[in-house]
């Protein structure tokens, strides 16, 4: 895989990094789950951070996530994010595996 995706909890930034001069752009898919007042986790938001700035460089997308320790839109406390990197191969897109869940602080 010629791409890396990551999430920086402080600042809520999603990154997409391109590691190959193959001419393909990269992107990072992300999912954000919240915990409701009963303690149940569920998908709240998801999205895509795209980068086409060239090889051996990185782009970022600043997101505004709920903090893990703060009350959220579902009345509970808890927010976590996971990401996976993808390469846009002109219709034949290749993605890695989802990361482990990262608490948003």
PDB file of N, CA and C in Angstrom:
ATOM      1  N   UNK A   1       0.864  -1.184   0.000  1.00  0.00           N
ATOM      2  CA  UNK A   1       0.000   0.000   0.000  1.00  0.00           C
ATOM      3  C   UNK A   1       0.898   1.231   0.000  1.00  0.00           C
ATOM      4  N   UNK A   2       0.615   2.147  -0.881  1.00  0.00           N
ATOM      5  CA  UNK A   2       1.430   3.349  -1.033  1.00  0.00           C
ATOM      6  C   UNK A   2       0.819   4.554  -0.336  1.00  0.00           C
ATOM      7  N   UNK A   3      -0.013   4.303   0.677  1.00  0.00           N
ATOM      8  CA  UNK A   3      -0.670   5.397   1.393  1.00  0.00           C
ATOM      9  C   UNK A   3      -0.738   5.077   2.883  1.00  0.00           C
ATOM     10  N   UNK A   4      -0.777   6.139   3.680  1.00  0.00           N
ATOM     11  CA  UNK A   4      -0.966   6.010   5.122  1.00  0.00           C
ATOM     12  C   UNK A   4      -2.034   6.998   5.547  1.00  0.00           C
ATOM     13  N   UNK A   5      -2.913   6.563   6.422  1.00  0.00           N
ATOM     14  CA  UNK A   5      -3.909   7.448   7.014  1.00  0.00           C
ATOM     15  C   UNK A   5      -3.733   7.458   8.513  1.00  0.00           C
ATOM     16  N   UNK A   6      -3.935   8.604   9.127  1.00  0.00           N
ATOM     17  CA  UNK A   6      -3.841   8.660  10.587  1.00  0.00           C
ATOM     18  C   UNK A   6      -4.754   9.763  11.125  1.00  0.00           C
ATOM     19  N   UNK A   7      -4.966   9.716  12.424  1.00  0.00           N
ATOM     20  CA  UNK A   7      -5.822  10.678  13.116  1.00  0.00           C
ATOM     21  C   UNK A   7      -5.071  11.231  14.311  1.00  0.00           C
ATOM     22  N   UNK A   8      -5.042  12.551  14.428  1.00  0.00           N
ATOM     23  CA  UNK A   8      -4.425  13.219  15.576  1.00  0.00           C
ATOM     24  C   UNK A   8      -5.555  13.685  16.489  1.00  0.00           C
ATOM     25  N   UNK A   9      -5.717  13.045  17.660  1.00  0.00           N
ATOM     26  CA  UNK A   9      -6.848  13.364  18.539  1.00  0.00           C
ATOM     27  C   UNK A   9      -6.867  14.819  19.009  1.00  0.00           C
ATOM     28  N   UNK A  10      -5.698  15.362  19.348  1.00  0.00           N
ATOM     29  CA  UNK A  10      -5.665  16.751  19.785  1.00  0.00           C
ATOM     30  C   UNK A  10      -5.719  17.626  18.539  1.00  0.00           C
ATOM     31  N   UNK A  11      -6.829  18.296  18.334  1.00  0.00           N
ATOM     32  CA  UNK A  11      -7.026  19.103  17.140  1.00  0.00           C
ATOM     33  C   UNK A  11      -7.943  18.451  16.121  1.00  0.00           C
ATOM     34  N   UNK A  12      -8.227  17.158  16.317  1.00  0.00           N
ATOM     35  CA  UNK A  12      -9.166  16.436  15.445  1.00  0.00           C
ATOM     36  C   UNK A  12      -8.777  16.518  13.972  1.00  0.00           C
ATOM     37  N   UNK A  13      -7.539  16.146  13.674  1.00  0.00           N
ATOM     38  CA  UNK A  13      -7.024  16.234  12.309  1.00  0.00           C
ATOM     39  C   UNK A  13      -6.851  14.832  11.720  1.00  0.00           C
ATOM     40  N   UNK A  14      -7.379  14.644  10.505  1.00  0.00           N
ATOM     41  CA  UNK A  14      -7.205  13.409   9.744  1.00  0.00           C
ATOM     42  C   UNK A  14      -6.146  13.681   8.678  1.00  0.00           C
ATOM     43  N   UNK A  15      -5.202  12.744   8.515  1.00  0.00           N
ATOM     44  CA  UNK A  15      -4.121  12.900   7.543  1.00  0.00           C
ATOM     45  C   UNK A  15      -4.195  11.821   6.472  1.00  0.00           C
ATOM     46  N   UNK A  16      -3.776  12.191   5.263  1.00  0.00           N
ATOM     47  CA  UNK A  16      -3.619  11.250   4.157  1.00  0.00           C
ATOM     48  C   UNK A  16      -2.226  11.474   3.579  1.00  0.00           C
ATOM     49  N   UNK A  17      -1.412  10.427   3.562  1.00  0.00           N
ATOM     50  CA  UNK A  17      -0.023  10.533   3.127  1.00  0.00           C
ATOM     51  C   UNK A  17       0.226   9.631   1.921  1.00  0.00           C
ATOM     52  N   UNK A  18       0.904  10.189   0.909  1.00  0.00           N
ATOM     53  CA  UNK A  18       1.188   9.478  -0.340  1.00  0.00           C
ATOM     54  C   UNK A  18       2.657   9.053  -0.346  1.00  0.00           C
ATOM     55  N   UNK A  19       2.914   7.759  -0.533  1.00  0.00           N
ATOM     56  CA  UNK A  19       4.278   7.231  -0.471  1.00  0.00           C
ATOM     57  C   UNK A  19       4.803   6.719  -1.811  1.00  0.00           C
ATOM     58  N   UNK A  20       4.147   7.058  -2.909  1.00  0.00           N
ATOM     59  CA  UNK A  20       4.576   6.507  -4.194  1.00  0.00           C
ATOM     60  C   UNK A  20       4.412   7.524  -5.324  1.00  0.00           C
ATOM     61  N   UNK A  21       5.402   7.603  -6.222  1.00  0.00           N
ATOM     62  CA  UNK A  21       5.294   8.501  -7.378  1.00  0.00           C
ATOM     63  C   UNK A  21       4.543   7.847  -8.542  1.00  0.00           C
ATOM     64  N   UNK A  22       3.426   7.202  -8.239  1.00  0.00           N
ATOM     65  CA  UNK A  22       2.680   6.461  -9.263  1.00  0.00           C
ATOM     66  C   UNK A  22       1.608   7.295  -9.969  1.00  0.00           C
ATOM     67  N   UNK A  23       1.424   8.541  -9.553  1.00  0.00           N
ATOM     68  CA  UNK A  23       0.427   9.400 -10.179  1.00  0.00           C
ATOM     69  C   UNK A  23      -0.973   9.264  -9.617  1.00  0.00           C
ATOM     70  N   UNK A  24      -1.173   8.369  -8.663  1.00  0.00           N
ATOM     71  CA  UNK A  24      -2.492   8.171  -8.065  1.00  0.00           C
ATOM     72  C   UNK A  24      -2.632   9.022  -6.804  1.00  0.00           C
ATOM     73  N   UNK A  25      -3.802   9.587  -6.626  1.00  0.00           N
ATOM     74  CA  UNK A  25      -4.061  10.331  -5.396  1.00  0.00           C
ATOM     75  C   UNK A  25      -4.405   9.350  -4.277  1.00  0.00           C
ATOM     76  N   UNK A  26      -4.364   9.846  -3.046  1.00  0.00           N
ATOM     77  CA  UNK A  26      -4.665   9.019  -1.877  1.00  0.00           C
ATOM     78  C   UNK A  26      -5.756   9.688  -1.057  1.00  0.00           C
ATOM     79  N   UNK A  27      -6.390   8.902  -0.218  1.00  0.00           N
ATOM     80  CA  UNK A  27      -7.370   9.464   0.699  1.00  0.00           C
ATOM     81  C   UNK A  27      -7.465   8.589   1.935  1.00  0.00           C
ATOM     82  N   UNK A  28      -8.007   9.174   2.983  1.00  0.00           N
ATOM     83  CA  UNK A  28      -8.230   8.456   4.231  1.00  0.00           C
ATOM     84  C   UNK A  28      -9.716   8.479   4.541  1.00  0.00           C
ATOM     85  N   UNK A  29     -10.297   7.301   4.715  1.00  0.00           N
ATOM     86  CA  UNK A  29     -11.680   7.198   5.177  1.00  0.00           C
ATOM     87  C   UNK A  29     -11.668   7.256   6.701  1.00  0.00           C
ATOM     88  N   UNK A  30     -12.663   7.899   7.283  1.00  0.00           N
ATOM     89  CA  UNK A  30     -12.733   7.966   8.742  1.00  0.00           C
ATOM     90  C   UNK A  30     -14.159   7.733   9.216  1.00  0.00           C
ATOM     91  N   UNK A  31     -14.272   7.196  10.416  1.00  0.00           N
ATOM     92  CA  UNK A  31     -15.564   6.990  11.073  1.00  0.00           C
ATOM     93  C   UNK A  31     -15.462   7.523  12.496  1.00  0.00           C
ATOM     94  N   UNK A  32     -16.532   8.150  12.947  1.00  0.00           N
ATOM     95  CA  UNK A  32     -16.613   8.696  14.304  1.00  0.00           C
ATOM     96  C   UNK A  32     -17.826   8.084  14.995  1.00  0.00           C
ATOM     97  N   UNK A  33     -17.584   7.412  16.109  1.00  0.00           N
ATOM     98  CA  UNK A  33     -18.672   6.851  16.906  1.00  0.00           C
ATOM     99  C   UNK A  33     -18.815   7.637  18.203  1.00  0.00           C
ATOM    100  N   UNK A  34     -20.064   7.759  18.657  1.00  0.00           N
ATOM    101  CA  UNK A  34     -20.369   8.357  19.954  1.00  0.00           C
ATOM    102  C   UNK A  34     -21.012   7.306  20.839  1.00  0.00           C
ATOM    103  N   UNK A  35     -20.867   7.518  22.149  1.00  0.00           N
ATOM    104  CA  UNK A  35     -21.532   6.649  23.121  1.00  0.00           C
ATOM    105  C   UNK A  35     -22.742   7.405  23.658  1.00  0.00           C
ATOM    106  N   UNK A  36     -23.901   6.757  23.654  1.00  0.00           N
ATOM    107  CA  UNK A  36     -25.121   7.421  24.126  1.00  0.00           C
ATOM    108  C   UNK A  36     -25.242   7.312  25.647  1.00  0.00           C
ATOM    109  N   UNK A  37     -26.345   7.814  26.179  1.00  0.00           N
ATOM    110  CA  UNK A  37     -26.537   7.865  27.633  1.00  0.00           C
ATOM    111  C   UNK A  37     -26.677   6.484  28.268  1.00  0.00           C
ATOM    112  N   UNK A  38     -26.936   5.447  27.457  1.00  0.00           N
ATOM    113  CA  UNK A  38     -27.020   4.079  27.999  1.00  0.00           C
ATOM    114  C   UNK A  38     -25.686   3.342  27.892  1.00  0.00           C
ATOM    115  N   UNK A  39     -24.681   3.992  27.287  1.00  0.00           N
ATOM    116  CA  UNK A  39     -23.365   3.371  27.137  1.00  0.00           C
ATOM    117  C   UNK A  39     -23.154   2.647  25.826  1.00  0.00           C
ATOM    118  N   UNK A  40     -24.127   2.730  24.915  1.00  0.00           N
ATOM    119  CA  UNK A  40     -24.040   2.046  23.628  1.00  0.00           C
ATOM    120  C   UNK A  40     -23.338   2.930  22.596  1.00  0.00           C
ATOM    121  N   UNK A  41     -22.365   2.343  21.881  1.00  0.00           N
ATOM    122  CA  UNK A  41     -21.656   3.054  20.820  1.00  0.00           C
ATOM    123  C   UNK A  41     -22.426   2.934  19.504  1.00  0.00           C
ATOM    124  N   UNK A  42     -22.390   4.017  18.691  1.00  0.00           N
ATOM    125  CA  UNK A  42     -23.017   3.999  17.375  1.00  0.00           C
ATOM    126  C   UNK A  42     -22.340   4.984  16.440  1.00  0.00           C
ATOM    127  N   UNK A  43     -22.441   4.736  15.139  1.00  0.00           N
ATOM    128  CA  UNK A  43     -21.836   5.614  14.143  1.00  0.00           C
ATOM    129  C   UNK A  43     -22.540   6.965  14.145  1.00  0.00           C
ATOM    130  N   UNK A  44     -21.769   8.030  14.310  1.00  0.00           N
ATOM    131  CA  UNK A  44     -22.298   9.389  14.326  1.00  0.00           C
ATOM    132  C   UNK A  44     -21.990  10.107  13.007  1.00  0.00           C
ATOM    133  N   UNK A  45     -20.736  10.021  12.567  1.00  0.00           N
ATOM    134  CA  UNK A  45     -20.315  10.663  11.317  1.00  0.00           C
ATOM    135  C   UNK A  45     -19.255   9.804  10.641  1.00  0.00           C
ATOM    136  N   UNK A  46     -19.116  10.003   9.355  1.00  0.00           N
ATOM    137  CA  UNK A  46     -18.015   9.393   8.625  1.00  0.00           C
ATOM    138  C   UNK A  46     -17.669  10.289   7.451  1.00  0.00           C
ATOM    139  N   UNK A  47     -16.496  10.077   6.867  1.00  0.00           N
ATOM    140  CA  UNK A  47     -16.104  10.935   5.766  1.00  0.00           C
ATOM    141  C   UNK A  47     -14.828  10.477   5.095  1.00  0.00           C
ATOM    142  N   UNK A  48     -14.326  11.374   4.264  1.00  0.00           N
ATOM    143  CA  UNK A  48     -13.173  11.082   3.418  1.00  0.00           C
ATOM    144  C   UNK A  48     -12.269  12.307   3.397  1.00  0.00           C
ATOM    145  N   UNK A  49     -10.993  12.108   3.664  1.00  0.00           N
ATOM    146  CA  UNK A  49      -9.989  13.168   3.570  1.00  0.00           C
ATOM    147  C   UNK A  49      -9.125  12.860   2.355  1.00  0.00           C
ATOM    148  N   UNK A  50      -9.278  13.640   1.291  1.00  0.00           N
ATOM    149  CA  UNK A  50      -8.573  13.386   0.025  1.00  0.00           C
ATOM    150  C   UNK A  50      -7.315  14.229  -0.084  1.00  0.00           C
ATOM    151  N   UNK A  51      -6.308  13.667  -0.771  1.00  0.00           N
ATOM    152  CA  UNK A  51      -5.062  14.400  -1.011  1.00  0.00           C
ATOM    153  C   UNK A  51      -4.522  14.033  -2.385  1.00  0.00           C
ATOM    154  N   UNK A  52      -4.263  15.055  -3.200  1.00  0.00           N
ATOM    155  CA  UNK A  52      -3.711  14.829  -4.539  1.00  0.00           C
ATOM    156  C   UNK A  52      -2.509  15.732  -4.788  1.00  0.00           C
ATOM    157  N   UNK A  53      -1.785  16.053  -3.721  1.00  0.00           N
ATOM    158  CA  UNK A  53      -0.670  16.993  -3.810  1.00  0.00           C
ATOM    159  C   UNK A  53       0.652  16.401  -4.252  1.00  0.00           C
ATOM    160  N   UNK A  54       0.701  15.126  -4.532  1.00  0.00           N
ATOM    161  CA  UNK A  54       1.938  14.538  -5.022  1.00  0.00           C
ATOM    162  C   UNK A  54       2.558  13.548  -4.061  1.00  0.00           C
ATOM    163  N   UNK A  55       3.529  12.832  -4.599  1.00  0.00           N
ATOM    164  CA  UNK A  55       4.153  11.761  -3.827  1.00  0.00           C
ATOM    165  C   UNK A  55       5.067  12.284  -2.728  1.00  0.00           C
ATOM    166  N   UNK A  56       5.245  11.446  -1.731  1.00  0.00           N
ATOM    167  CA  UNK A  56       6.114  11.700  -0.585  1.00  0.00           C
ATOM    168  C   UNK A  56       5.739  12.981   0.152  1.00  0.00           C
ATOM    169  N   UNK A  57       4.436  13.220   0.242  1.00  0.00           N
ATOM    170  CA  UNK A  57       3.920  14.372   0.984  1.00  0.00           C
ATOM    171  C   UNK A  57       2.573  13.995   1.595  1.00  0.00           C
ATOM    172  N   UNK A  58       2.009  14.928   2.357  1.00  0.00           N
ATOM    173  CA  UNK A  58       0.819  14.610   3.143  1.00  0.00           C
ATOM    174  C   UNK A  58      -0.153  15.779   3.148  1.00  0.00           C
ATOM    175  N   UNK A  59      -1.442  15.447   3.143  1.00  0.00           N
ATOM    176  CA  UNK A  59      -2.493  16.441   3.290  1.00  0.00           C
ATOM    177  C   UNK A  59      -3.262  16.192   4.572  1.00  0.00           C
ATOM    178  N   UNK A  60      -4.011  17.193   4.999  1.00  0.00           N
ATOM    179  CA  UNK A  60      -4.767  17.047   6.248  1.00  0.00           C
ATOM    180  C   UNK A  60      -6.161  17.650   6.109  1.00  0.00           C
ATOM    181  N   UNK A  61      -7.063  17.155   6.943  1.00  0.00           N
ATOM    182  CA  UNK A  61      -8.436  17.645   7.012  1.00  0.00           C
ATOM    183  C   UNK A  61      -8.761  17.869   8.483  1.00  0.00           C
ATOM    184  N   UNK A  62      -9.114  19.082   8.816  1.00  0.00           N
ATOM    185  CA  UNK A  62      -9.417  19.423  10.204  1.00  0.00           C
ATOM    186  C   UNK A  62     -10.899  19.178  10.460  1.00  0.00           C
ATOM    187  N   UNK A  63     -11.202  18.300  11.403  1.00  0.00           N
ATOM    188  CA  UNK A  63     -12.582  17.948  11.748  1.00  0.00           C
ATOM    189  C   UNK A  63     -12.872  18.412  13.166  1.00  0.00           C
ATOM    190  N   UNK A  64     -14.114  18.661  13.449  1.00  0.00           N
ATOM    191  CA  UNK A  64     -14.518  19.090  14.788  1.00  0.00           C
ATOM    192  C   UNK A  64     -15.287  17.943  15.431  1.00  0.00           C
ATOM    193  N   UNK A  65     -14.579  17.129  16.205  1.00  0.00           N
ATOM    194  CA  UNK A  65     -15.181  15.965  16.852  1.00  0.00           C
ATOM    195  C   UNK A  65     -15.536  16.301  18.299  1.00  0.00           C
ATOM    196  N   UNK A  66     -16.494  15.589  18.844  1.00  0.00           N
ATOM    197  CA  UNK A  66     -16.752  15.696  20.277  1.00  0.00           C
ATOM    198  C   UNK A  66     -15.558  15.131  21.028  1.00  0.00           C
ATOM    199  N   UNK A  67     -15.267  15.712  22.178  1.00  0.00           N
ATOM    200  CA  UNK A  67     -14.212  15.182  23.034  1.00  0.00           C
ATOM    201  C   UNK A  67     -14.729  13.925  23.727  1.00  0.00           C
ATOM    202  N   UNK A  68     -13.836  12.987  23.983  1.00  0.00           N
ATOM    203  CA  UNK A  68     -14.219  11.723  24.617  1.00  0.00           C
ATOM    204  C   UNK A  68     -14.787  11.944  26.020  1.00  0.00           C
ATOM    205  N   UNK A  69     -14.301  12.965  26.711  1.00  0.00           N
ATOM    206  CA  UNK A  69     -14.702  13.201  28.102  1.00  0.00           C
ATOM    207  C   UNK A  69     -15.860  14.193  28.245  1.00  0.00           C
ATOM    208  N   UNK A  70     -16.365  14.727  27.136  1.00  0.00           N
ATOM    209  CA  UNK A  70     -17.442  15.725  27.182  1.00  0.00           C
ATOM    210  C   UNK A  70     -18.784  15.117  26.780  1.00  0.00           C
ATOM    211  N   UNK A  71     -19.855  15.730  27.241  1.00  0.00           N
ATOM    212  CA  UNK A  71     -21.193  15.294  26.841  1.00  0.00           C
ATOM    213  C   UNK A  71     -21.372  15.549  25.343  1.00  0.00           C
ATOM    214  N   UNK A  72     -21.941  14.570  24.640  1.00  0.00           N
ATOM    215  CA  UNK A  72     -22.078  14.684  23.191  1.00  0.00           C
ATOM    216  C   UNK A  72     -23.540  14.842  22.764  1.00  0.00           C
ATOM    217  N   UNK A  73     -23.774  14.845  21.460  1.00  0.00           N
ATOM    218  CA  UNK A  73     -25.109  15.055  20.885  1.00  0.00           C
ATOM    219  C   UNK A  73     -26.103  13.968  21.267  1.00  0.00           C
ATOM    220  N   UNK A  74     -25.625  12.803  21.675  1.00  0.00           N
ATOM    221  CA  UNK A  74     -26.505  11.697  22.039  1.00  0.00           C
ATOM    222  C   UNK A  74     -26.737  11.603  23.544  1.00  0.00           C
ATOM    223  N   UNK A  75     -26.250  12.614  24.290  1.00  0.00           N
ATOM    224  CA  UNK A  75     -26.496  12.661  25.729  1.00  0.00           C
ATOM    225  C   UNK A  75     -25.546  11.846  26.576  1.00  0.00           C
ATOM    226  N   UNK A  76     -24.577  11.217  25.966  1.00  0.00           N
ATOM    227  CA  UNK A  76     -23.591  10.435  26.709  1.00  0.00           C
ATOM    228  C   UNK A  76     -22.226  11.083  26.635  1.00  0.00           C
ATOM    229  N   UNK A  77     -21.244  10.409  27.187  1.00  0.00           N
ATOM    230  CA  UNK A  77     -19.853  10.839  27.083  1.00  0.00           C
ATOM    231  C   UNK A  77     -19.092   9.742  26.368  1.00  0.00           C
ATOM    232  N   UNK A  78     -18.319  10.127  25.383  1.00  0.00           N
ATOM    233  CA  UNK A  78     -17.522   9.168  24.634  1.00  0.00           C
ATOM    234  C   UNK A  78     -17.532   9.468  23.150  1.00  0.00           C
ATOM    235  N   UNK A  79     -16.336   9.565  22.577  1.00  0.00           N
ATOM    236  CA  UNK A  79     -16.173   9.798  21.145  1.00  0.00           C
ATOM    237  C   UNK A  79     -14.897   9.090  20.712  1.00  0.00           C
ATOM    238  N   UNK A  80     -14.996   8.307  19.634  1.00  0.00           N
ATOM    239  CA  UNK A  80     -13.814   7.617  19.132  1.00  0.00           C
ATOM    240  C   UNK A  80     -13.817   7.637  17.612  1.00  0.00           C
ATOM    241  N   UNK A  81     -12.612   7.524  17.040  1.00  0.00           N
ATOM    242  CA  UNK A  81     -12.412   7.648  15.596  1.00  0.00           C
ATOM    243  C   UNK A  81     -11.525   6.497  15.127  1.00  0.00           C
ATOM    244  N   UNK A  82     -11.785   6.018  13.909  1.00  0.00           N
ATOM    245  CA  UNK A  82     -10.865   5.092  13.262  1.00  0.00           C
ATOM    246  C   UNK A  82     -10.696   5.519  11.815  1.00  0.00           C
ATOM    247  N   UNK A  83      -9.566   5.136  11.214  1.00  0.00           N
ATOM    248  CA  UNK A  83      -9.231   5.554   9.852  1.00  0.00           C
ATOM    249  C   UNK A  83      -8.702   4.369   9.047  1.00  0.00           C
ATOM    250  N   UNK A  84      -8.778   4.519   7.725  1.00  0.00           N
ATOM    251  CA  UNK A  84      -8.070   3.588   6.841  1.00  0.00           C
ATOM    252  C   UNK A  84      -7.640   4.334   5.587  1.00  0.00           C
ATOM    253  N   UNK A  85      -6.445   4.002   5.109  1.00  0.00           N
ATOM    254  CA  UNK A  85      -5.850   4.664   3.950  1.00  0.00           C
ATOM    255  C   UNK A  85      -6.249   3.954   2.664  1.00  0.00           C
ATOM    256  N   UNK A  86      -6.403   4.754   1.601  1.00  0.00           N
ATOM    257  CA  UNK A  86      -6.787   4.215   0.297  1.00  0.00           C
ATOM    258  C   UNK A  86      -5.996   4.902  -0.812  1.00  0.00           C
ATOM    259  N   UNK A  87      -5.806   4.182  -1.911  1.00  0.00           N
ATOM    260  CA  UNK A  87      -5.195   4.732  -3.118  1.00  0.00           C
ATOM    261  C   UNK A  87      -6.258   4.727  -4.204  1.00  0.00           C
ATOM    262  N   UNK A  88      -6.435   5.872  -4.858  1.00  0.00           N
ATOM    263  CA  UNK A  88      -7.429   6.007  -5.929  1.00  0.00           C
ATOM    264  C   UNK A  88      -6.786   5.584  -7.248  1.00  0.00           C
ATOM    265  N   UNK A  89      -6.996   4.334  -7.638  1.00  0.00           N
ATOM    266  CA  UNK A  89      -6.399   3.781  -8.854  1.00  0.00           C
ATOM    267  C   UNK A  89      -7.343   3.896 -10.049  1.00  0.00           C
ATOM    268  N   UNK A  90      -7.906   5.059 -10.273  1.00  0.00           N
ATOM    269  CA  UNK A  90      -8.773   5.310 -11.419  1.00  0.00           C
ATOM    270  C   UNK A  90      -9.867   4.259 -11.562  1.00  0.00           C
ATOM    271  N   UNK A  91     -10.681   4.126 -10.535  1.00  0.00           N
ATOM    272  CA  UNK A  91     -11.804   3.204 -10.577  1.00  0.00           C
ATOM    273  C   UNK A  91     -11.564   1.890  -9.865  1.00  0.00           C
ATOM    274  N   UNK A  92     -10.316   1.525  -9.666  1.00  0.00           N
ATOM    275  CA  UNK A  92      -9.986   0.279  -8.961  1.00  0.00           C
ATOM    276  C   UNK A  92      -9.283   0.662  -7.662  1.00  0.00           C
ATOM    277  N   UNK A  93     -10.045   1.170  -6.723  1.00  0.00           N
ATOM    278  CA  UNK A  93      -9.462   1.728  -5.514  1.00  0.00           C
ATOM    279  C   UNK A  93      -9.038   0.637  -4.542  1.00  0.00           C
ATOM    280  N   UNK A  94      -7.907   0.856  -3.902  1.00  0.00           N
ATOM    281  CA  UNK A  94      -7.330  -0.099  -2.971  1.00  0.00           C
ATOM    282  C   UNK A  94      -7.251   0.539  -1.591  1.00  0.00           C
ATOM    283  N   UNK A  95      -7.780  -0.152  -0.586  1.00  0.00           N
ATOM    284  CA  UNK A  95      -7.758   0.367   0.783  1.00  0.00           C
ATOM    285  C   UNK A  95      -7.112  -0.642   1.718  1.00  0.00           C
ATOM    286  N   UNK A  96      -6.484  -0.123   2.754  1.00  0.00           N
ATOM    287  CA  UNK A  96      -5.940  -0.971   3.804  1.00  0.00           C
ATOM    288  C   UNK A  96      -7.028  -1.331   4.798  1.00  0.00           C
ATOM    289  N   UNK A  97      -6.628  -1.798   5.951  1.00  0.00           N
ATOM    290  CA  UNK A  97      -7.562  -2.181   7.014  1.00  0.00           C
ATOM    291  C   UNK A  97      -7.875  -0.983   7.899  1.00  0.00           C
ATOM    292  N   UNK A  98      -8.981  -1.068   8.599  1.00  0.00           N
ATOM    293  CA  UNK A  98      -9.319  -0.031   9.577  1.00  0.00           C
ATOM    294  C   UNK A  98      -8.307  -0.056  10.719  1.00  0.00           C
ATOM    295  N   UNK A  99      -7.970   1.117  11.219  1.00  0.00           N
ATOM    296  CA  UNK A  99      -7.122   1.220  12.409  1.00  0.00           C
ATOM    297  C   UNK A  99      -7.925   0.786  13.629  1.00  0.00           C
ATOM    298  N   UNK A 100      -7.263   0.677  14.744  1.00  0.00           N
ATOM    299  CA  UNK A 100      -7.999   0.485  15.991  1.00  0.00           C
ATOM    300  C   UNK A 100      -8.695   1.808  16.323  1.00  0.00           C
ATOM    301  N   UNK A 101      -9.661   1.765  17.215  1.00  0.00           N
ATOM    302  CA  UNK A 101     -10.383   2.977  17.608  1.00  0.00           C
ATOM    303  C   UNK A 101      -9.471   3.869  18.449  1.00  0.00           C
ATOM    304  N   UNK A 102      -9.548   5.170  18.191  1.00  0.00           N
ATOM    305  CA  UNK A 102      -8.746   6.168  18.895  1.00  0.00           C
ATOM    306  C   UNK A 102      -9.710   7.126  19.578  1.00  0.00           C
ATOM    307  N   UNK A 103      -9.564   7.306  20.880  1.00  0.00           N
ATOM    308  CA  UNK A 103     -10.433   8.239  21.596  1.00  0.00           C
ATOM    309  C   UNK A 103     -10.097   9.668  21.201  1.00  0.00           C
ATOM    310  N   UNK A 104     -11.121  10.461  20.966  1.00  0.00           N
ATOM    311  CA  UNK A 104     -10.961  11.851  20.551  1.00  0.00           C
ATOM    312  C   UNK A 104     -10.878  12.740  21.778  1.00  0.00           C
ATOM    313  N   UNK A 105      -9.722  13.364  21.979  1.00  0.00           N
ATOM    314  CA  UNK A 105      -9.536  14.245  23.144  1.00  0.00           C
ATOM    315  C   UNK A 105      -9.204  15.640  22.751  1.00  0.00           C
TER     316      UNK A 105
END
